N, C-alpha and C. Protein backbone atom coordinates (compact mmCIF):
# COMPACT_ATOMS: atom_id res chain seq x y z
N UNK A 1 0.83 -1.21 0.00
CA UNK A 1 0.00 0.00 0.00
C UNK A 1 0.88 1.27 0.00
N UNK A 2 1.93 1.22 0.78
CA UNK A 2 2.84 2.36 0.86
C UNK A 2 3.53 2.60 -0.48
N UNK A 3 3.85 1.53 -1.19
CA UNK A 3 4.48 1.66 -2.51
C UNK A 3 3.55 2.35 -3.49
N UNK A 4 2.28 2.03 -3.44
CA UNK A 4 1.30 2.63 -4.36
C UNK A 4 1.21 4.13 -4.11
N UNK A 5 1.20 4.50 -2.85
CA UNK A 5 1.12 5.92 -2.50
C UNK A 5 2.37 6.65 -3.02
N UNK A 6 3.52 6.03 -2.88
CA UNK A 6 4.76 6.64 -3.36
C UNK A 6 4.73 6.82 -4.87
N UNK A 7 4.25 5.82 -5.60
CA UNK A 7 4.17 5.92 -7.06
C UNK A 7 3.19 7.00 -7.48
N UNK A 8 2.08 7.09 -6.79
CA UNK A 8 1.09 8.11 -7.12
C UNK A 8 1.67 9.50 -6.88
N UNK A 9 2.35 9.67 -5.78
CA UNK A 9 2.97 10.97 -5.49
C UNK A 9 4.06 11.30 -6.50
N UNK A 10 4.81 10.30 -6.89
CA UNK A 10 5.85 10.52 -7.89
C UNK A 10 5.25 10.96 -9.22
N UNK A 11 4.20 10.29 -9.65
CA UNK A 11 3.54 10.65 -10.90
C UNK A 11 2.96 12.06 -10.82
N UNK A 12 2.33 12.38 -9.71
CA UNK A 12 1.78 13.72 -9.54
C UNK A 12 2.88 14.78 -9.56
N UNK A 13 3.99 14.47 -8.97
CA UNK A 13 5.11 15.40 -8.95
C UNK A 13 5.65 15.62 -10.36
N UNK A 14 5.78 14.56 -11.12
CA UNK A 14 6.27 14.68 -12.49
C UNK A 14 5.29 15.51 -13.32
N UNK A 15 4.00 15.25 -13.16
CA UNK A 15 2.99 16.01 -13.90
C UNK A 15 3.07 17.49 -13.53
N UNK A 16 3.21 17.77 -12.25
CA UNK A 16 3.31 19.16 -11.81
C UNK A 16 4.54 19.84 -12.41
N UNK A 17 5.68 19.16 -12.37
CA UNK A 17 6.91 19.75 -12.91
C UNK A 17 6.78 20.01 -14.41
N UNK A 18 6.24 19.07 -15.14
CA UNK A 18 6.07 19.26 -16.58
C UNK A 18 5.11 20.41 -16.88
N UNK A 19 4.04 20.49 -16.14
CA UNK A 19 3.09 21.57 -16.38
C UNK A 19 3.71 22.93 -16.06
N UNK A 20 4.55 22.98 -15.02
CA UNK A 20 5.23 24.22 -14.68
C UNK A 20 6.18 24.64 -15.80
N UNK A 21 6.92 23.67 -16.34
CA UNK A 21 7.85 23.96 -17.44
C UNK A 21 7.09 24.48 -18.65
N UNK A 22 6.00 23.84 -18.99
CA UNK A 22 5.20 24.27 -20.14
C UNK A 22 4.65 25.67 -19.91
N UNK A 23 4.17 25.93 -18.70
CA UNK A 23 3.63 27.25 -18.38
C UNK A 23 4.69 28.34 -18.54
N UNK A 24 5.87 28.11 -18.00
CA UNK A 24 6.92 29.13 -18.09
C UNK A 24 7.36 29.34 -19.54
N UNK A 25 7.43 28.27 -20.31
CA UNK A 25 7.81 28.41 -21.72
C UNK A 25 6.74 29.22 -22.47
N UNK A 26 5.49 28.95 -22.18
CA UNK A 26 4.41 29.71 -22.82
C UNK A 26 4.48 31.18 -22.46
N UNK A 27 4.78 31.49 -21.23
CA UNK A 27 4.88 32.88 -20.81
C UNK A 27 6.04 33.57 -21.52
N UNK A 28 7.16 32.87 -21.64
CA UNK A 28 8.30 33.47 -22.34
C UNK A 28 7.97 33.71 -23.81
N UNK A 29 7.31 32.75 -24.43
CA UNK A 29 6.93 32.92 -25.83
C UNK A 29 5.92 34.07 -25.99
N UNK A 30 5.02 34.15 -25.04
CA UNK A 30 4.02 35.22 -25.08
C UNK A 30 4.70 36.59 -24.95
N UNK A 31 5.62 36.70 -23.99
CA UNK A 31 6.36 37.95 -23.81
C UNK A 31 7.16 38.30 -25.07
N UNK A 32 7.77 37.29 -25.65
CA UNK A 32 8.57 37.53 -26.85
C UNK A 32 7.68 38.00 -28.01
N UNK A 33 6.53 37.38 -28.16
CA UNK A 33 5.64 37.79 -29.26
C UNK A 33 5.09 39.20 -29.02
N UNK A 34 4.82 39.54 -27.76
CA UNK A 34 4.36 40.89 -27.46
C UNK A 34 5.44 41.91 -27.78
N UNK A 35 6.69 41.61 -27.47
CA UNK A 35 7.79 42.53 -27.77
C UNK A 35 7.94 42.69 -29.28
N UNK A 36 7.83 41.57 -30.01
CA UNK A 36 7.95 41.65 -31.47
C UNK A 36 6.81 42.48 -32.05
N UNK A 37 5.63 42.30 -31.50
CA UNK A 37 4.49 43.06 -31.98
C UNK A 37 4.69 44.56 -31.73
N UNK A 38 5.21 44.90 -30.57
CA UNK A 38 5.47 46.31 -30.27
C UNK A 38 6.54 46.88 -31.19
N UNK A 39 7.58 46.09 -31.44
CA UNK A 39 8.63 46.54 -32.36
C UNK A 39 8.08 46.75 -33.76
N UNK A 40 7.21 45.85 -34.17
CA UNK A 40 6.61 45.96 -35.50
C UNK A 40 5.75 47.22 -35.60
N UNK A 41 4.96 47.47 -34.57
CA UNK A 41 4.13 48.69 -34.56
C UNK A 41 5.02 49.93 -34.59
N UNK A 42 6.10 49.89 -33.83
CA UNK A 42 6.99 51.04 -33.78
C UNK A 42 7.65 51.27 -35.14
N UNK A 43 8.05 50.21 -35.79
CA UNK A 43 8.69 50.37 -37.10
C UNK A 43 7.70 50.89 -38.13
N UNK A 44 6.44 50.43 -38.03
CA UNK A 44 5.42 50.96 -38.96
C UNK A 44 5.20 52.44 -38.71
N UNK A 45 5.14 52.81 -37.43
CA UNK A 45 4.95 54.22 -37.08
C UNK A 45 6.13 55.05 -37.58
N UNK A 46 7.33 54.54 -37.39
CA UNK A 46 8.52 55.28 -37.84
C UNK A 46 8.52 55.43 -39.35
N UNK A 47 8.13 54.38 -40.05
CA UNK A 47 8.12 54.48 -41.52
C UNK A 47 7.05 55.47 -41.98
N UNK A 48 5.92 55.52 -41.28
CA UNK A 48 4.89 56.50 -41.64
C UNK A 48 5.39 57.91 -41.40
N UNK A 49 6.08 58.10 -40.26
CA UNK A 49 6.63 59.43 -39.98
C UNK A 49 7.66 59.81 -41.03
N UNK A 50 8.48 58.87 -41.42
CA UNK A 50 9.49 59.14 -42.45
C UNK A 50 8.82 59.52 -43.76
N UNK A 51 7.77 58.78 -44.14
CA UNK A 51 7.04 59.10 -45.36
C UNK A 51 6.43 60.50 -45.29
N UNK A 52 5.87 60.82 -44.13
CA UNK A 52 5.26 62.14 -43.97
C UNK A 52 6.32 63.24 -44.07
N UNK A 53 7.49 63.00 -43.49
CA UNK A 53 8.57 63.99 -43.58
C UNK A 53 9.01 64.17 -45.03
N UNK A 54 9.09 63.08 -45.77
CA UNK A 54 9.48 63.17 -47.18
C UNK A 54 8.43 63.94 -47.99
N UNK A 55 7.17 63.71 -47.66
CA UNK A 55 6.10 64.42 -48.38
C UNK A 55 6.20 65.92 -48.10
N UNK A 56 6.42 66.26 -46.83
CA UNK A 56 6.52 67.67 -46.46
C UNK A 56 7.73 68.30 -47.14
N UNK A 57 8.85 67.63 -47.15
CA UNK A 57 10.07 68.15 -47.78
C UNK A 57 9.85 68.33 -49.28
N UNK A 58 9.24 67.33 -49.90
CA UNK A 58 9.02 67.43 -51.35
C UNK A 58 8.03 68.55 -51.69
N UNK A 59 7.06 68.79 -50.82
CA UNK A 59 6.10 69.87 -51.07
C UNK A 59 6.76 71.24 -50.89
N UNK A 60 7.73 71.32 -49.98
CA UNK A 60 8.41 72.59 -49.75
C UNK A 60 9.28 72.97 -50.93
N UNK A 61 9.81 71.98 -51.62
CA UNK A 61 10.67 72.25 -52.77
C UNK A 61 9.81 72.67 -53.91
């Protein structure tokens, strides 16, 4: 009976550890994708500003 309890606890521990690893990996991937999304938005904004500056410069000439 004691052996069964030990095996059950071992299996539960392994499941918990694996789920924790998966959770942390998902969080890191989520953070990374959010950073990439922000960088992409920033680059789009910068390119729009650059285009607007070029339009203003070309109109001044």
